[in-house]
Protein backbone atom coordinates (compact mmCIF):
# COMPACT_ATOMS: atom_id res chain seq x y z
CA MET A 1 -8.37 -9.11 39.42
CA VAL A 2 -10.87 -8.26 42.34
CA ASN A 3 -12.72 -10.92 43.39
CA LEU A 4 -15.77 -11.10 45.71
CA SER A 5 -13.14 -12.38 48.46
CA THR A 6 -11.24 -9.50 48.47
CA LEU A 7 -14.42 -7.23 48.63
CA LYS A 8 -16.02 -9.32 51.72
CA ILE A 9 -12.23 -8.47 53.21
CA VAL A 10 -12.23 -4.87 52.69
CA SER A 11 -15.82 -4.48 53.89
CA SER A 12 -15.09 -4.18 57.57
CA PHE A 13 -12.27 -1.47 56.49
CA LEU A 14 -14.79 0.78 54.44
CA LEU A 15 -17.30 0.52 57.07
CA VAL A 16 -14.54 2.17 59.37
CA THR A 17 -13.78 4.23 57.16
CA VAL A 18 -17.23 5.56 56.34
CA THR A 19 -17.89 6.00 60.85
CA ILE A 20 -14.55 8.00 60.70
CA ALA A 21 -15.99 10.10 57.45
CA PHE A 22 -19.05 10.82 59.52
CA SER A 23 -17.58 11.85 62.66
CA PHE A 24 -15.88 15.08 60.95
CA PRO A 25 -18.19 17.92 59.37
CA SER A 26 -16.13 18.24 56.50
CA ALA A 27 -16.02 14.71 55.46
CA GLN A 28 -19.97 14.57 55.15
CA PRO A 29 -20.53 12.46 51.90
CA GLU A 30 -21.72 15.19 49.12
CA LYS A 31 -24.41 13.70 46.19
CA VAL A 32 -22.08 13.46 42.86
CA ASN A 33 -23.47 15.35 40.54
CA HIS A 34 -23.40 14.93 36.76
CA LEU A 35 -21.32 18.42 36.44
CA ASN A 36 -18.44 17.71 39.07
CA TRP A 37 -16.80 14.74 37.39
CA GLY A 38 -18.94 12.78 35.07
CA PHE A 39 -17.78 14.65 31.78
CA TYR A 40 -14.48 12.29 31.27
CA GLY A 41 -16.08 9.83 28.85
CA HIS A 42 -17.53 12.28 26.51
CA LYS A 43 -13.87 14.26 26.53
CA ARG A 44 -12.01 11.31 25.87
CA ILE A 45 -14.65 9.83 23.06
CA ASN A 46 -14.32 13.35 21.22
CA ARG A 47 -10.35 13.57 21.60
CA MET A 48 -9.60 10.12 20.46
CA ALA A 49 -12.21 10.65 17.47
CA VAL A 50 -10.17 12.83 15.97
CA PHE A 51 -7.38 10.18 15.24
CA THR A 52 -9.79 8.15 13.47
CA LEU A 53 -10.03 10.87 10.32
CA PRO A 54 -8.34 10.89 6.92
CA PRO A 55 -5.55 13.84 6.39
CA GLU A 56 -7.44 16.19 4.75
CA LEU A 57 -9.52 16.95 8.11
CA PHE A 58 -7.04 15.27 10.65
CA GLY A 59 -5.24 18.45 10.31
CA PHE A 60 -7.77 21.15 11.23
CA TYR A 61 -9.21 18.58 13.99
CA LYS A 62 -5.73 18.11 15.33
CA GLU A 63 -4.95 21.81 15.65
CA HIS A 64 -8.14 22.40 17.38
CA ILE A 65 -8.09 19.36 19.55
CA GLU A 66 -8.23 21.20 22.35
CA TYR A 67 -11.38 23.07 21.99
CA ILE A 68 -12.89 19.77 20.44
CA THR A 69 -12.29 18.10 23.76
CA GLU A 70 -13.08 20.48 26.23
CA HIS A 71 -16.42 21.63 24.73
CA ALA A 72 -17.34 18.02 24.40
CA VAL A 73 -19.37 18.66 27.38
CA ASP A 74 -20.93 21.79 26.37
CA PRO A 75 -24.82 19.98 25.16
CA ASP A 76 -24.78 18.60 29.34
CA LYS A 77 -24.22 22.05 30.26
CA ARG A 78 -27.08 23.51 28.36
CA ARG A 79 -29.50 21.67 29.80
CA TYR A 80 -29.29 24.46 32.44
CA ALA A 81 -29.59 27.18 29.68
CA VAL A 82 -31.86 25.84 27.32
CA GLU A 83 -35.50 24.63 27.27
CA GLY A 84 -36.12 21.57 24.89
CA GLU A 85 -32.55 20.25 25.43
CA ALA A 86 -32.63 17.27 27.42
CA PRO A 87 -34.62 14.90 25.11
CA ARG A 88 -31.44 15.59 22.72
CA HIS A 89 -29.35 13.18 24.51
CA TYR A 90 -31.59 9.94 25.03
CA ILE A 91 -34.40 7.97 23.65
CA ASP A 92 -36.88 5.72 26.18
CA ILE A 93 -37.53 3.84 23.57
CA ASP A 94 -39.33 0.70 25.80
CA HIS A 95 -42.05 3.24 26.37
CA TYR A 96 -43.40 2.54 23.01
CA ALA A 97 -43.89 -1.11 23.61
CA LYS A 98 -45.45 -3.63 25.66
CA GLU A 99 -43.84 -6.68 27.45
CA GLY A 100 -42.44 -9.13 24.69
CA GLU A 101 -42.72 -6.26 21.49
CA ASP A 102 -40.17 -5.30 19.90
CA PRO A 103 -40.15 -1.01 20.05
CA PHE A 104 -37.75 -0.90 16.97
CA ALA A 105 -40.66 -2.49 14.82
CA ILE A 106 -42.96 -0.20 16.74
CA VAL A 107 -41.12 3.28 16.44
CA PRO A 108 -41.25 4.72 12.61
CA ARG A 109 -37.05 5.84 11.85
CA PHE A 110 -38.06 8.61 10.08
CA TRP A 111 -39.33 12.28 12.10
CA LYS A 112 -42.10 12.75 9.54
CA ASP A 113 -43.85 9.12 10.21
CA ALA A 114 -43.22 9.28 14.11
CA VAL A 115 -44.55 12.74 14.30
CA SER A 116 -47.71 11.29 12.64
CA LYS A 117 -47.93 8.30 14.82
CA PHE A 118 -46.83 9.43 18.48
CA SER A 119 -47.41 13.36 18.44
CA GLU A 120 -44.19 15.23 18.28
CA ASP A 121 -44.63 16.26 22.34
CA THR A 122 -44.78 12.76 23.15
CA LEU A 123 -41.65 12.13 21.05
CA GLN A 124 -40.01 15.39 23.22
CA THR A 125 -41.35 13.73 26.17
CA TYR A 126 -39.32 10.47 25.52
CA GLY A 127 -36.58 12.04 24.15
CA ILE A 128 -35.19 11.81 20.58
CA VAL A 129 -31.57 11.56 20.03
CA PRO A 130 -31.40 9.25 17.03
CA TRP A 131 -33.52 11.99 15.13
CA TYR A 132 -31.31 15.09 16.13
CA ILE A 133 -27.91 13.48 15.56
CA GLU A 134 -29.21 13.81 11.85
CA VAL A 135 -29.77 17.02 12.55
CA MET A 136 -26.53 17.99 13.64
CA VAL A 137 -24.59 16.10 10.95
CA ASN A 138 -26.89 18.20 8.58
CA LYS A 139 -25.64 21.34 10.61
CA LEU A 140 -22.33 20.52 10.72
CA THR A 141 -22.49 20.06 6.52
CA ARG A 142 -23.79 23.31 6.32
CA ALA A 143 -20.78 24.80 8.35
CA PHE A 144 -18.37 23.08 6.48
CA GLU A 145 -20.10 24.62 3.20
CA SER A 146 -19.53 27.95 4.35
CA LYS A 147 -16.34 27.59 5.85
CA ASN A 148 -17.17 28.75 9.38
CA VAL A 149 -14.45 28.07 11.85
CA ASP A 150 -17.04 28.72 14.81
CA LEU A 151 -19.64 26.93 13.64
CA ILE A 152 -17.35 23.38 12.50
CA LEU A 153 -16.02 23.51 16.17
CA LYS A 154 -19.04 24.14 18.07
CA TYR A 155 -21.33 21.58 15.61
CA SER A 156 -18.40 19.05 15.71
CA ALA A 157 -18.02 19.29 19.72
CA ASP A 158 -21.89 18.77 20.07
CA LEU A 159 -22.48 16.00 17.44
CA GLY A 160 -19.70 13.81 19.28
CA HIS A 161 -21.63 14.43 22.67
CA TYR A 162 -25.06 13.23 21.35
CA VAL A 163 -23.45 10.11 19.38
CA GLY A 164 -21.68 9.35 22.33
CA ASP A 165 -25.09 9.80 24.17
CA ALA A 166 -26.51 7.07 21.77
CA HIS A 167 -24.15 4.37 22.57
CA VAL A 168 -25.15 4.50 26.17
CA PRO A 169 -27.26 1.92 27.03
CA LEU A 170 -29.09 3.65 30.31
CA HIS A 171 -30.11 6.19 27.26
CA THR A 172 -31.99 4.33 25.82
CA THR A 173 -34.72 3.31 28.55
CA GLU A 174 -37.56 4.72 31.20
CA ASN A 175 -35.56 3.10 33.74
CA TYR A 176 -32.25 5.18 32.93
CA ASN A 177 -31.05 5.66 36.24
CA GLY A 178 -32.68 2.41 37.95
CA GLN A 179 -34.96 4.29 39.61
CA LEU A 180 -37.99 1.43 38.48
CA THR A 181 -35.60 -1.15 40.29
CA ASN A 182 -34.17 0.27 43.38
CA GLN A 183 -30.61 0.73 41.39
CA LYS A 184 -30.70 4.75 41.31
CA GLY A 185 -27.10 5.92 40.62
CA ILE A 186 -26.13 3.25 38.35
CA HIS A 187 -26.19 5.71 35.31
CA GLY A 188 -23.23 7.60 36.35
CA LEU A 189 -21.82 3.93 37.77
CA TRP A 190 -21.55 2.76 33.79
CA GLU A 191 -21.52 6.07 32.12
CA SER A 192 -19.03 7.98 34.67
CA ARG A 193 -17.31 5.91 37.63
CA LEU A 194 -16.40 2.95 34.85
CA PRO A 195 -14.94 4.86 32.05
CA GLU A 196 -13.16 7.45 34.68
CA LEU A 197 -11.39 4.27 36.32
CA MET A 198 -10.63 1.97 33.56
CA ALA A 199 -10.28 3.68 30.28
CA ASP A 200 -7.16 4.23 30.37
CA ASN A 201 -6.35 0.20 29.55
CA TYR A 202 -8.68 0.47 26.86
CA ASP A 203 -7.93 -0.48 22.68
CA TYR A 204 -8.16 2.79 21.35
CA PHE A 205 -7.16 1.47 18.03
CA VAL A 206 -10.94 1.96 16.65
CA GLY A 207 -9.60 2.13 12.82
CA LYS A 208 -10.70 4.86 10.46
CA ALA A 209 -13.59 6.92 9.72
CA ARG A 210 -16.35 5.49 7.61
CA TYR A 211 -18.73 7.33 5.36
CA HIS A 212 -22.15 6.82 6.00
CA LYS A 213 -24.79 7.15 3.64
CA ASN A 214 -27.55 7.11 5.36
CA ILE A 215 -27.23 9.04 8.82
CA ASN A 216 -30.33 7.80 9.90
CA THR A 217 -29.64 3.75 10.00
CA PHE A 218 -26.58 5.04 11.64
CA ALA A 219 -28.26 6.47 14.84
CA TRP A 220 -30.64 3.92 14.80
CA GLU A 221 -28.12 1.03 14.82
CA ALA A 222 -26.17 2.88 17.44
CA VAL A 223 -29.40 3.00 19.75
CA GLN A 224 -30.57 -0.26 18.83
CA ALA A 225 -27.04 -1.96 19.84
CA SER A 226 -26.92 0.22 23.07
CA HIS A 227 -30.53 -1.11 24.29
CA ILE A 228 -29.43 -4.58 23.73
CA ALA A 229 -27.38 -4.28 26.45
CA VAL A 230 -29.88 -2.95 29.12
CA ASP A 231 -30.85 -5.90 30.48
CA SER A 232 -27.40 -7.01 31.29
CA VAL A 233 -26.45 -3.71 32.63
CA LEU A 234 -28.97 -3.85 35.13
CA LYS A 235 -29.19 -7.59 35.71
CA ILE A 236 -25.15 -7.64 36.44
CA GLU A 237 -25.40 -4.52 38.96
CA LYS A 238 -28.25 -6.30 41.12
CA GLU A 239 -26.51 -9.52 41.19
CA LEU A 240 -23.93 -8.19 42.53
CA THR A 241 -25.49 -5.88 44.91
CA GLU A 242 -27.05 -8.90 46.58
CA GLU A 243 -23.69 -10.74 47.41
CA LEU A 244 -22.47 -7.85 48.80
CA ALA A 245 -22.60 -6.05 52.03
CA THR A 246 -23.48 -2.33 51.62
CA ASP A 247 -20.62 -0.86 52.95
CA ALA A 248 -18.38 -2.45 50.27
CA LYS A 249 -20.20 -1.05 47.51
CA TYR A 250 -19.61 2.50 48.16
CA SER A 251 -16.54 4.53 49.16
CA PHE A 252 -15.79 7.86 50.26
CA GLU A 253 -13.19 9.92 47.82
CA THR A 254 -11.67 13.65 48.05
CA ARG A 255 -12.88 15.86 44.73
CA GLY A 256 -11.47 19.11 45.08
CA ALA A 257 -12.31 20.43 48.26
CA SER A 258 -15.08 17.95 48.93
CA THR A 259 -15.42 14.77 49.96
CA VAL A 260 -17.91 12.55 48.15
CA ARG A 261 -19.38 9.21 48.53
CA THR A 262 -19.23 6.99 45.40
CA TYR A 263 -19.15 3.59 44.14
CA SER A 264 -16.12 1.96 45.74
CA ARG A 265 -12.96 0.91 43.47
CA ASP A 266 -13.63 -2.75 44.07
CA PHE A 267 -16.90 -2.91 43.05
CA SER A 268 -16.79 -1.08 40.23
CA THR A 269 -13.72 -3.50 39.18
CA VAL A 270 -15.98 -6.19 39.65
CA TYR A 271 -18.73 -4.98 38.22
CA HIS A 272 -16.37 -3.76 34.84
CA GLU A 273 -15.42 -7.16 34.72
CA ARG A 274 -18.79 -8.96 34.93
CA LEU A 275 -19.72 -6.76 32.05
CA ASN A 276 -17.17 -8.57 30.10
CA GLY A 277 -16.04 -5.73 27.71
CA MET A 278 -19.30 -4.24 27.41
CA VAL A 279 -18.44 -0.40 28.52
CA GLU A 280 -15.19 -0.72 26.63
CA ARG A 281 -17.18 -1.95 23.13
CA ARG A 282 -19.65 0.84 23.58
CA PHE A 283 -16.70 3.36 23.97
CA ARG A 284 -15.02 1.97 21.21
CA ALA A 285 -17.71 2.46 18.69
CA ALA A 286 -18.86 5.87 20.41
CA ILE A 287 -15.07 6.48 19.23
CA ILE A 288 -15.32 5.61 15.38
CA GLY A 289 -19.21 7.09 15.32
CA VAL A 290 -18.00 10.36 16.02
CA GLY A 291 -15.21 10.43 13.67
CA SER A 292 -17.43 8.76 10.91
CA MET A 293 -20.22 11.45 11.30
CA TRP A 294 -17.55 14.26 11.34
CA TYR A 295 -16.23 12.82 7.80
CA THR A 296 -20.05 11.93 6.31
CA ALA A 297 -20.59 15.82 6.78
CA TRP A 298 -17.28 16.85 5.54
CA VAL A 299 -18.04 14.50 2.43
CA ASN A 300 -21.99 15.60 2.15
CA ALA A 301 -20.51 19.31 1.87
CA GLY A 302 -18.24 18.49 -0.84
CA GLN A 303 -14.85 17.89 0.64
CA PRO A 304 -13.76 21.50 1.63
CA ASP A 305 -10.42 22.10 1.58
CA LEU A 306 -9.62 23.44 5.48
CA THR A 307 -5.90 24.37 5.07
CA GLU A 308 -6.50 27.53 4.90
CA LEU A 309 -8.58 27.35 8.55
CA LEU A 310 -5.97 25.74 10.20
CA HIS A 311 -4.95 28.57 12.67
CA VAL A 312 -8.16 30.62 12.63
CA ARG A 313 -8.92 30.81 16.05
CA PRO A 314 -12.48 30.54 17.63
CA SER A 315 -14.17 33.96 17.84
CA GLU A 316 -14.43 36.19 21.09
CA GLU A 317 -17.86 35.75 20.47
CA LEU A 318 -18.11 32.40 20.79
CA LEU A 319 -16.10 32.15 23.71
CA ARG A 320 -18.26 34.59 25.12
CA GLU A 321 -21.07 32.12 24.67
CA GLN A 322 -19.40 29.65 26.54
CA GLU A 323 -18.27 31.88 29.19
CA GLN A 324 -21.98 32.48 30.02
CA LEU A 325 -22.81 28.67 29.28
CA ASP A 326 -20.49 28.14 32.25
CA LEU A 327 -22.23 30.82 34.22
CA ASP A 328 -25.83 29.32 33.72
CA VAL A 329 -24.53 26.33 35.00
CA LYS A 330 -23.51 27.81 38.28
CA GLN A 331 -26.76 29.71 38.80
CA GLY A 332 -29.19 27.55 37.08
CA LYS A 333 -31.40 24.53 37.45
CA ALA A 334 -31.66 21.75 35.05
CA LYS A 335 -34.24 22.14 32.86
CA GLY A 336 -35.46 18.43 32.09
CA ARG A 337 -33.52 15.27 32.87
CA ILE A 338 -30.23 14.78 34.41
CA CYS A 339 -28.90 11.78 36.25
CA ASP A 340 -27.08 11.97 39.42
CA HIS A 341 -23.66 10.68 39.13
C-alpha cells in the first residue's frame, strides 16, 4: 500500500525526472487528450457486460464481442463529427438548483415535462444523458425486432457508452473537470487514469442482467447515485493535493512516440484508496447496467431468436462508416464539451 511517507520520499526523485524530461525536446510534456488513451474504461465495461447476459443473448454478443468492445468509444469519436452529440454524455443536474436545493426534485424526469419547464435549448445546453439512454434502448429494441445485425451492434455499443457515462460522478455536474475549483484534469483522473491503473484488480462477478420495466427510472437512478459522489470526488482530491508537493502529484510516461505528463501512479493509488472503492462500485454498476439495458431492449422486442445471426458479419457500409468516424477525429475539432485527460 502506498502512503504519504512514500509519496514524500519519491517527490525528490520525480523532481529530478521532470528536470531531465524538460532537458530534451523529445521529452517535452504533452497534454493528455481524451482520445489518446481515455477509452479504456468504456471498452472494459462493454466487454464485461457481455458476460451478464442470459444464454439466448450471450451467444450473439460473445460472437461479436470484439466489435462491442472496440466500438464502445464511437460516441466520443462522434463528438468530432456530429453537432449535438456532446450533451448526450452528461447532465449538469446541479445547474438547476440553488445551494441547499435537491435538483432531482426540480428537474422533471420525463422529457416533455422537462422541455415544458426549461425549454429544449436549455436541456441540450446542460446535458440529456438520462433521457438519451431511453432513446437508445428504444432504438436497440427496434433493431432487435428487425433482426438488423448492423444496427444491433451499433446501438448496443453506443448504448453501453451512454450508460457508462451516467455512472461517472463528474458527468453530473457543471464542475465536470474541476475547472470551477482549481482542480482541472480531475475528470480524466477519475474516469480514465484510475481504471487504467486499477481495473485489473476489480471484481467482475456482478451478477446477471435484469429486466427493467421502467427505463427512465433506471437512467435517473444511475445519474442520482453518481451525483451523490461528486462532493467526495472533489474533496478527497483537494485534500490529497494540499498534503503533497506538486512534483509528487504528476509524472511523465511514454505513450507511443510521445512522453506525456499525467498523474503519478503513487498519487493515483492513494487517491483511489481514499475513495474507498467508489470507482470499482460505479464500474460494476455500469457493467450490470449495460447488460441490463441490452437485455431489456431484447425482451421489449419480443425476445427474438438470434441464432441465425450468430455468424453474420458487420456490413461493408457499417465498416466504412467507422473508418470515416476515425478520419473525422484525426481531422476535426470537438463539437461541444470534451474533457482533457
